[in-house]
Protein backbone atom coordinates (compact mmCIF):
# COMPACT_ATOMS: atom_id res chain seq x y z
CA MET A 1 7.56 45.05 51.82
CA LYS A 2 11.04 44.63 50.35
CA LYS A 3 11.28 45.24 46.63
CA ILE A 4 13.57 42.86 44.74
CA ALA A 5 15.07 43.52 41.29
CA ILE A 6 16.41 40.49 39.44
CA TYR A 7 19.31 40.88 37.02
CA GLY A 8 18.66 38.70 33.99
CA GLY A 9 15.75 37.71 31.81
CA GLY A 10 16.30 34.03 31.12
CA GLY A 11 14.97 30.82 32.60
CA PHE A 12 16.88 30.97 35.86
CA ALA A 13 15.87 34.59 36.39
CA ARG A 14 12.23 33.49 36.19
CA GLU A 15 12.96 30.73 38.69
CA VAL A 16 14.54 33.26 41.04
CA ALA A 17 11.37 35.37 40.78
CA TRP A 18 9.35 32.32 41.83
CA LEU A 19 11.81 31.72 44.68
CA VAL A 20 11.41 35.28 45.95
CA GLN A 21 7.63 35.05 45.78
CA SER A 22 7.72 31.70 47.62
CA CYS A 23 9.55 33.34 50.52
CA ASN A 24 6.33 35.20 51.35
CA ARG A 25 4.76 31.93 52.55
CA ASP A 26 6.87 31.45 55.66
CA SER A 27 8.95 34.59 56.09
CA THR A 28 8.35 37.32 58.64
CA GLU A 29 9.21 39.76 55.84
CA SER A 30 7.28 40.35 52.61
CA TYR A 31 8.95 40.50 49.20
CA GLN A 32 7.84 41.85 45.86
CA VAL A 33 9.71 41.34 42.58
CA CYS A 34 9.52 44.81 41.07
CA CYS A 35 11.40 44.17 37.80
CA PHE A 36 13.82 42.13 35.76
CA VAL A 37 16.93 43.98 34.59
CA ASP A 38 18.19 43.07 31.13
CA ASP A 39 21.05 44.58 29.13
CA ASP A 40 19.25 43.79 25.85
CA ALA A 41 17.55 47.07 24.95
CA SER A 42 15.07 45.28 22.67
CA LYS A 43 13.49 43.70 25.77
CA HIS A 44 13.07 46.92 27.72
CA GLY A 45 9.42 47.71 28.34
CA THR A 46 8.27 44.12 27.82
CA ILE A 47 6.55 41.97 30.44
CA LEU A 48 7.96 38.62 31.61
CA ASN A 49 5.71 36.49 33.83
CA GLU A 50 3.76 39.64 34.74
CA ILE A 51 6.96 41.47 35.75
CA PRO A 52 8.35 44.42 33.76
CA VAL A 53 11.75 44.19 32.06
CA LEU A 54 13.84 47.36 32.40
CA GLY A 55 17.30 48.66 31.70
CA ILE A 56 19.50 49.10 34.72
CA ASN A 57 19.37 52.91 34.79
CA THR A 58 15.58 52.94 34.52
CA ALA A 59 15.29 50.22 37.15
CA PHE A 60 17.31 52.18 39.69
CA SER A 61 15.55 55.47 39.00
CA ARG A 62 12.13 53.84 39.32
CA PHE A 63 12.98 51.55 42.27
CA PRO A 64 15.89 53.18 44.16
CA ASP A 65 15.04 51.26 47.34
CA ALA A 66 15.00 47.85 45.63
CA LEU A 67 17.57 45.19 46.49
CA MET A 68 19.18 43.25 43.67
CA VAL A 69 19.72 39.50 43.24
CA SER A 70 21.14 37.82 40.16
CA GLY A 71 19.34 35.44 37.85
CA VAL A 72 22.43 35.00 35.64
CA GLY A 73 23.75 31.44 35.72
CA SER A 74 27.24 31.95 34.28
CA PRO A 75 29.66 32.86 37.09
CA ARG A 76 31.73 35.25 34.95
CA ALA A 77 28.68 36.95 33.49
CA ARG A 78 27.16 37.21 36.96
CA GLU A 79 30.28 38.87 38.31
CA ALA A 80 30.26 41.41 35.48
CA THR A 81 26.56 42.24 35.81
CA ILE A 82 26.71 42.48 39.61
CA SER A 83 29.63 44.91 39.28
CA ARG A 84 27.50 46.96 36.90
CA ALA A 85 24.58 46.91 39.33
CA ALA A 86 26.78 48.06 42.21
CA LYS A 87 28.16 50.94 40.15
CA ASN A 88 24.57 51.99 39.42
CA GLY A 89 23.78 52.18 43.13
CA PHE A 90 22.08 48.87 43.89
CA SER A 91 22.52 46.98 47.15
CA PHE A 92 21.96 43.23 47.31
CA ALA A 93 19.65 40.74 48.99
CA THR A 94 20.35 37.18 50.11
CA ILE A 95 17.43 34.88 49.24
CA ILE A 96 16.97 31.42 50.79
CA HIS A 97 13.88 29.36 49.97
CA PRO A 98 11.78 28.60 53.07
CA ASN A 99 12.10 24.82 52.72
CA VAL A 100 15.92 24.81 52.66
CA GLU A 101 17.32 22.85 55.62
CA TYR A 102 20.38 24.49 57.17
CA SER A 103 21.98 25.46 60.45
CA GLU A 104 21.27 29.15 61.03
CA GLN A 105 23.82 29.26 63.84
CA TRP A 106 26.77 27.49 62.23
CA ASN A 107 26.62 28.55 58.56
CA GLU A 108 27.53 31.86 56.90
CA PHE A 109 25.94 33.32 53.76
CA GLY A 110 27.35 36.25 51.76
CA GLU A 111 25.28 39.02 50.22
CA GLY A 112 23.50 38.33 46.97
CA THR A 113 23.49 34.56 47.44
CA VAL A 114 20.50 32.62 46.11
CA ILE A 115 19.61 29.18 47.52
CA CYS A 116 16.72 27.43 45.79
CA ALA A 117 14.16 24.91 47.04
CA GLY A 118 15.05 21.46 48.33
CA ASN A 119 18.62 22.07 49.47
CA ILE A 120 20.28 20.74 52.62
CA LEU A 121 23.31 22.50 54.11
CA THR A 122 24.60 20.96 57.32
CA VAL A 123 27.05 22.84 59.58
CA ASN A 124 30.11 25.10 59.51
CA ILE A 125 29.62 25.93 55.84
CA THR A 126 30.82 29.24 54.41
CA VAL A 127 28.99 30.53 51.34
CA GLY A 128 30.48 33.61 49.69
CA ARG A 129 28.94 36.51 47.81
CA HIS A 130 26.55 36.02 44.88
CA VAL A 131 26.71 32.23 45.03
CA GLN A 132 23.89 30.28 43.38
CA ILE A 133 22.77 26.89 44.71
CA ASN A 134 20.10 25.43 42.46
CA ILE A 135 17.40 22.93 43.46
CA ASP A 136 17.99 19.70 45.41
CA CYS A 137 21.67 19.99 46.31
CA THR A 138 23.34 18.75 49.49
CA ILE A 139 26.41 20.34 51.07
CA GLY A 140 28.34 18.73 53.91
CA HIS A 141 30.19 20.12 56.89
CA ASP A 142 33.08 22.56 56.60
CA ALA A 143 32.54 23.24 52.91
CA ILE A 144 33.52 26.61 51.45
CA LEU A 145 31.89 28.07 48.33
CA ASP A 146 33.75 31.20 47.33
CA ASP A 147 32.22 34.17 45.49
CA TYR A 148 30.15 33.56 42.32
CA THR A 149 30.29 29.78 42.55
CA THR A 150 27.31 27.98 40.96
CA LEU A 151 25.88 24.57 41.80
CA ALA A 152 23.45 23.30 39.16
CA PRO A 153 20.52 21.07 40.23
CA GLY A 154 21.22 17.86 42.12
CA VAL A 155 24.85 18.46 43.06
CA HIS A 156 26.19 16.67 46.15
CA VAL A 157 29.16 18.13 48.00
CA SER A 158 30.73 16.15 50.84
CA GLY A 159 32.52 17.58 53.86
CA TRP A 160 35.80 19.49 53.75
CA VAL A 161 35.46 20.62 50.13
CA HIS A 162 36.72 24.12 49.26
CA PHE A 163 35.58 25.79 46.03
CA GLY A 164 37.42 28.79 44.61
CA LYS A 165 35.81 31.75 42.88
CA ARG A 166 33.52 31.38 39.85
CA VAL A 167 33.44 27.58 39.94
CA TYR A 168 30.59 26.03 37.95
CA VAL A 169 29.38 22.56 38.96
CA GLY A 170 27.12 20.82 36.44
CA THR A 171 23.87 18.98 37.13
CA GLY A 172 24.17 15.79 39.16
CA ALA A 173 27.89 16.07 39.88
CA ASN A 174 29.33 14.60 43.09
CA ILE A 175 32.35 15.89 44.98
CA ILE A 176 33.89 13.39 47.40
CA ASN A 177 34.98 14.59 50.83
CA GLY A 178 38.37 15.85 51.86
CA THR A 179 39.67 15.96 55.43
CA GLU A 180 40.44 18.70 57.92
CA GLU A 181 44.16 18.23 57.29
CA ASN A 182 43.76 17.85 53.52
CA PRO A 183 40.54 19.39 52.20
CA LEU A 184 39.55 18.67 48.61
CA VAL A 185 40.19 21.94 46.76
CA ILE A 186 38.64 23.15 43.49
CA ALA A 187 40.59 26.04 41.96
CA ASP A 188 39.12 29.29 40.62
CA ASP A 189 37.09 29.15 37.37
CA VAL A 190 37.00 25.36 37.19
CA VAL A 191 34.02 23.80 35.37
CA ILE A 192 32.85 20.41 36.63
CA GLY A 193 30.80 18.57 34.03
CA ALA A 194 27.32 17.19 34.60
CA GLY A 195 27.36 13.79 36.30
CA ALA A 196 31.07 13.95 37.13
CA CYS A 197 32.48 12.43 40.29
CA VAL A 198 35.39 14.47 41.66
CA THR A 199 37.58 12.33 43.89
CA LYS A 200 40.65 14.55 44.27
CA SER A 201 41.60 18.21 44.22
CA VAL A 202 41.56 20.19 40.96
CA THR A 203 44.40 22.66 41.50
CA GLU A 204 44.72 24.14 37.99
CA ALA A 205 42.49 27.18 37.54
CA GLY A 206 40.11 27.36 34.60
CA VAL A 207 40.11 23.72 33.54
CA THR A 208 37.06 21.58 32.74
CA VAL A 209 36.82 18.15 34.36
CA VAL A 210 34.38 15.41 33.37
CA GLY A 211 33.72 11.72 33.97
CA VAL A 212 33.87 9.16 36.76
CA PRO A 213 36.37 9.70 38.25
CA ALA A 214 36.64 13.25 36.93
CA LYS A 215 39.61 14.05 34.70
CA VAL A 216 40.71 17.18 32.86
CA LEU A 217 38.95 17.52 29.51
CA ASN A 218 40.42 20.84 28.35
CA ARG A 219 42.04 24.02 29.49
């Protein structure tokens, strides 16, 4: 049985725990969530959905063979906490819910990535490290999701879309397809607002875009 430690103690961390437990239904491997890891010392020693909450040092000393996944939704915060986990000795698991539809032969998934229930990923998709794809998203051919990108629930990504690092895509957003010669590119650290429809590349890093069609709201 593989032990899984989940970094975070919020709502998405609890959903990741459910995701890990759901993998036991159809997987040839067994998983057990051994703990949540929280940086808030006031929560250490508490119980969350029947799972203990520990500090990172205690978690590694008690479960040195556990693999870590992140339950932190913010891309920047996730990057910082994953760096902390790595420095404390943790290795990382990739967790994909058993009812996700995807090509096992023609897609690539980086370590630490979490893909929740109800997603469809077609072919020739590259998913980086510690990416989070929340429930009921669709991702088309030749898409690239670089490290720490987050798709909130119900996001639809068409083919030939390339996300940079730490992109956050809000609930229900739609990204229209690019082409092989001219993929639609989303720069690093861009935030795409909930319900937005992105019809062209967003080349300026760190901006927020909203609306239909999506336009820059702020920098």
